[in-house]
C-alpha atoms as a PDB file:
ATOM      1  CA  MET A   1      41.664  39.881 -14.203  1.00  0.00           C
ATOM      2  CA  SER A   2      39.696  39.649 -11.328  1.00  0.00           C
ATOM      3  CA  ASP A   3      39.100  36.172  -9.388  1.00  0.00           C
ATOM      4  CA  ILE A   4      35.803  36.485 -10.680  1.00  0.00           C
ATOM      5  CA  GLU A   5      35.584  36.720 -14.425  1.00  0.00           C
ATOM      6  CA  THR A   6      39.046  34.125 -14.220  1.00  0.00           C
ATOM      7  CA  PHE A   7      36.774  31.685 -12.425  1.00  0.00           C
ATOM      8  CA  ILE A   8      34.089  32.513 -15.489  1.00  0.00           C
ATOM      9  CA  GLN A   9      36.934  31.686 -18.086  1.00  0.00           C
ATOM     10  CA  MET A  10      37.862  28.868 -16.544  1.00  0.00           C
ATOM     11  CA  VAL A  11      34.277  27.528 -16.273  1.00  0.00           C
ATOM     12  CA  GLN A  12      33.264  28.245 -19.921  1.00  0.00           C
ATOM     13  CA  ASN A  13      36.521  26.055 -20.841  1.00  0.00           C
ATOM     14  CA  GLU A  14      34.866  23.248 -18.720  1.00  0.00           C
ATOM     15  CA  GLU A  15      38.042  23.434 -16.166  1.00  0.00           C
ATOM     16  CA  PHE A  16      35.815  23.117 -13.218  1.00  0.00           C
ATOM     17  CA  ALA A  17      38.270  21.406 -10.779  1.00  0.00           C
ATOM     18  CA  PRO A  18      40.802  24.495 -10.907  1.00  0.00           C
ATOM     19  CA  ALA A  19      37.884  27.067 -11.244  1.00  0.00           C
ATOM     20  CA  HIS A  20      36.594  26.265  -7.677  1.00  0.00           C
ATOM     21  CA  GLU A  21      39.698  27.494  -5.854  1.00  0.00           C
ATOM     22  CA  ILE A  22      39.899  30.312  -7.338  1.00  0.00           C
ATOM     23  CA  LEU A  23      37.455  31.643  -5.210  1.00  0.00           C
ATOM     24  CA  GLU A  24      38.472  29.669  -2.070  1.00  0.00           C
ATOM     25  CA  HIS A  25      40.414  32.684  -0.736  1.00  0.00           C
ATOM     26  CA  ASP A  26      37.525  35.062  -1.038  1.00  0.00           C
ATOM     27  CA  TRP A  27      35.442  32.503   0.977  1.00  0.00           C
ATOM     28  CA  LYS A  28      37.804  32.063   3.498  1.00  0.00           C
ATOM     29  CA  ALA A  29      37.928  35.175   4.370  1.00  0.00           C
ATOM     30  CA  TYR A  30      34.084  36.313   4.297  1.00  0.00           C
ATOM     31  CA  LYS A  31      34.326  33.510   6.578  1.00  0.00           C
ATOM     32  CA  LYS A  32      36.275  34.898   8.826  1.00  0.00           C
ATOM     33  CA  GLU A  33      35.114  38.273   8.603  1.00  0.00           C
ATOM     34  CA  ASN A  34      31.673  36.489   9.538  1.00  0.00           C
ATOM     35  CA  GLN A  35      30.018  38.080   6.318  1.00  0.00           C
ATOM     36  CA  MET A  36      28.303  34.559   6.406  1.00  0.00           C
ATOM     37  CA  GLN A  37      25.826  35.665   3.392  1.00  0.00           C
ATOM     38  CA  LYS A  38      28.673  36.694   0.872  1.00  0.00           C
ATOM     39  CA  ALA A  39      30.551  33.690   2.475  1.00  0.00           C
ATOM     40  CA  LYS A  40      27.536  30.982   1.686  1.00  0.00           C
ATOM     41  CA  ALA A  41      26.952  32.808  -2.071  1.00  0.00           C
ATOM     42  CA  LEU A  42      30.675  32.097  -3.251  1.00  0.00           C
ATOM     43  CA  GLN A  43      30.135  28.620  -1.354  1.00  0.00           C
ATOM     44  CA  GLY A  44      27.164  28.157  -3.983  1.00  0.00           C
ATOM     45  CA  LEU A  45      29.372  29.341  -7.143  1.00  0.00           C
ATOM     46  CA  ILE A  46      32.301  27.012  -5.719  1.00  0.00           C
ATOM     47  CA  ASN A  47      30.176  23.806  -4.978  1.00  0.00           C
ATOM     48  CA  GLY A  48      28.835  24.116  -8.226  1.00  0.00           C
ATOM     49  CA  THR A  49      31.569  24.061  -9.991  1.00  0.00           C
ATOM     50  CA  THR A  50      32.797  21.021  -7.726  1.00  0.00           C
ATOM     51  CA  ALA A  51      29.897  19.298  -8.887  1.00  0.00           C
ATOM     52  CA  LEU A  52      30.295  19.241 -12.580  1.00  0.00           C
ATOM     53  CA  ALA A  53      33.839  18.046 -11.757  1.00  0.00           C
ATOM     54  CA  LEU A  54      32.699  15.693  -9.750  1.00  0.00           C
ATOM     55  CA  TYR A  55      30.314  14.547 -12.771  1.00  0.00           C
ATOM     56  CA  LYS A  56      32.759  14.871 -15.406  1.00  0.00           C
ATOM     57  CA  LYS A  57      34.645  11.893 -13.748  1.00  0.00           C
ATOM     58  CA  GLY A  58      31.401  10.123 -13.239  1.00  0.00           C
ATOM     59  CA  LYS A  59      30.744  10.735  -9.770  1.00  0.00           C
ATOM     60  CA  VAL A  60      26.863  11.473 -10.402  1.00  0.00           C
ATOM     61  CA  GLU A  61      26.212  10.693  -6.208  1.00  0.00           C
ATOM     62  CA  GLY A  62      28.839  12.713  -5.705  1.00  0.00           C
ATOM     63  CA  TYR A  63      27.756  15.224  -8.386  1.00  0.00           C
ATOM     64  CA  GLN A  64      24.135  15.115  -7.221  1.00  0.00           C
ATOM     65  CA  LYS A  65      24.937  16.309  -3.540  1.00  0.00           C
ATOM     66  CA  VAL A  66      27.125  18.926  -4.166  1.00  0.00           C
ATOM     67  CA  TRP A  67      25.313  20.702  -6.918  1.00  0.00           C
ATOM     68  CA  GLU A  68      22.180  20.643  -4.366  1.00  0.00           C
ATOM     69  CA  THR A  69      24.464  23.054  -2.116  1.00  0.00           C
ATOM     70  CA  PHE A  70      24.697  25.248  -5.324  1.00  0.00           C
ATOM     71  CA  LEU A  71      21.211  24.994  -5.961  1.00  0.00           C
ATOM     72  CA  LYS A  72      20.411  26.037  -2.046  1.00  0.00           C
ATOM     73  CA  TYR A  73      22.822  28.988  -2.314  1.00  0.00           C
ATOM     74  CA  HIS A  74      22.916  30.503  -5.311  1.00  0.00           C
ATOM     75  CA  THR A  75      20.245  32.575  -4.683  1.00  0.00           C
ATOM     76  CA  LEU A  76      22.244  34.501  -2.486  1.00  0.00           C
ATOM     77  CA  LEU A  77      23.830  36.087  -4.833  1.00  0.00           C
ATOM     78  CA  ASP A  78      20.749  38.160  -5.351  1.00  0.00           C
ATOM     79  CA  GLU A  79      20.764  39.765  -2.153  1.00  0.00           C
ATOM     80  CA  VAL A  80      24.290  40.237  -1.544  1.00  0.00           C
ATOM     81  CA  GLU A  81      26.434  42.849  -2.020  1.00  0.00           C
ATOM     82  CA  LEU A  82      29.798  42.181  -4.120  1.00  0.00           C
ATOM     83  CA  GLU A  83      31.956  44.116  -6.491  1.00  0.00           C
ATOM     84  CA  ASN A  84      31.231  43.208  -9.807  1.00  0.00           C
ATOM     85  CA  LYS A  85      28.026  41.418  -8.753  1.00  0.00           C
ATOM     86  CA  ASP A  86      26.985  41.310 -12.506  1.00  0.00           C
ATOM     87  CA  TYR A  87      29.822  38.899 -13.104  1.00  0.00           C
ATOM     88  CA  PHE A  88      28.705  36.790 -10.154  1.00  0.00           C
ATOM     89  CA  LEU A  89      25.512  36.489 -11.535  1.00  0.00           C
ATOM     90  CA  ALA A  90      26.693  35.801 -14.853  1.00  0.00           C
ATOM     91  CA  ALA A  91      28.829  32.923 -13.371  1.00  0.00           C
ATOM     92  CA  ARG A  92      25.761  31.411 -11.716  1.00  0.00           C
ATOM     93  CA  GLU A  93      23.743  31.650 -15.170  1.00  0.00           C
ATOM     94  CA  LEU A  94      27.550  30.148 -16.687  1.00  0.00           C
ATOM     95  CA  LEU A  95      26.979  27.400 -13.981  1.00  0.00           C
ATOM     96  CA  PHE A  96      23.440  26.726 -15.012  1.00  0.00           C
ATOM     97  CA  LYS A  97      24.346  26.090 -18.442  1.00  0.00           C
ATOM     98  CA  LYS A  98      27.089  24.182 -17.969  1.00  0.00           C
ATOM     99  CA  ASN A  99      25.134  21.903 -15.823  1.00  0.00           C
ATOM    100  CA  LYS A 100      23.034  21.354 -18.818  1.00  0.00           C
ATOM    101  CA  GLU A 101      25.451  20.942 -21.207  1.00  0.00           C
ATOM    102  CA  VAL A 102      27.327  18.473 -19.356  1.00  0.00           C
ATOM    103  CA  THR A 103      24.977  16.321 -17.699  1.00  0.00           C
ATOM    104  CA  GLN A 104      23.066  15.880 -20.981  1.00  0.00           C
ATOM    105  CA  GLN A 105      26.345  14.348 -22.770  1.00  0.00           C
ATOM    106  CA  THR A 106      26.506  11.317 -21.458  1.00  0.00           C
END
C-alpha cells in the first residue's frame, strides 16, 4: 500500500493526528528538491488532517487557522504532477467530507 493510500485509510478511520505524519517524508523530500508546488500541495493535505485533529481536541481556533492553510494549498493538487494523483485528489475530497462530518458533530 502506498503512503497516500495509507493516508486515506487513516483519514477514513478518523486517525487524523497519525495520518498527517504519513505524508511528511514526501513533503520534506519535495522541499529539499526545491519542488515547492508539490511540497505545498502535500502541506495542504497534512494541514487538513492536523486541523481535524485539533478540532476533535476542542481547539477550534487552532483548527480554523490550520484549515485555512489546507484551503490555501488544496488547489495545487490540480496543477502538480504526482504519481498516483487520483489518490491525492481522493484524499482532498475525503478531507472536505470529513471536515463537514466532524465539525457538525459538536
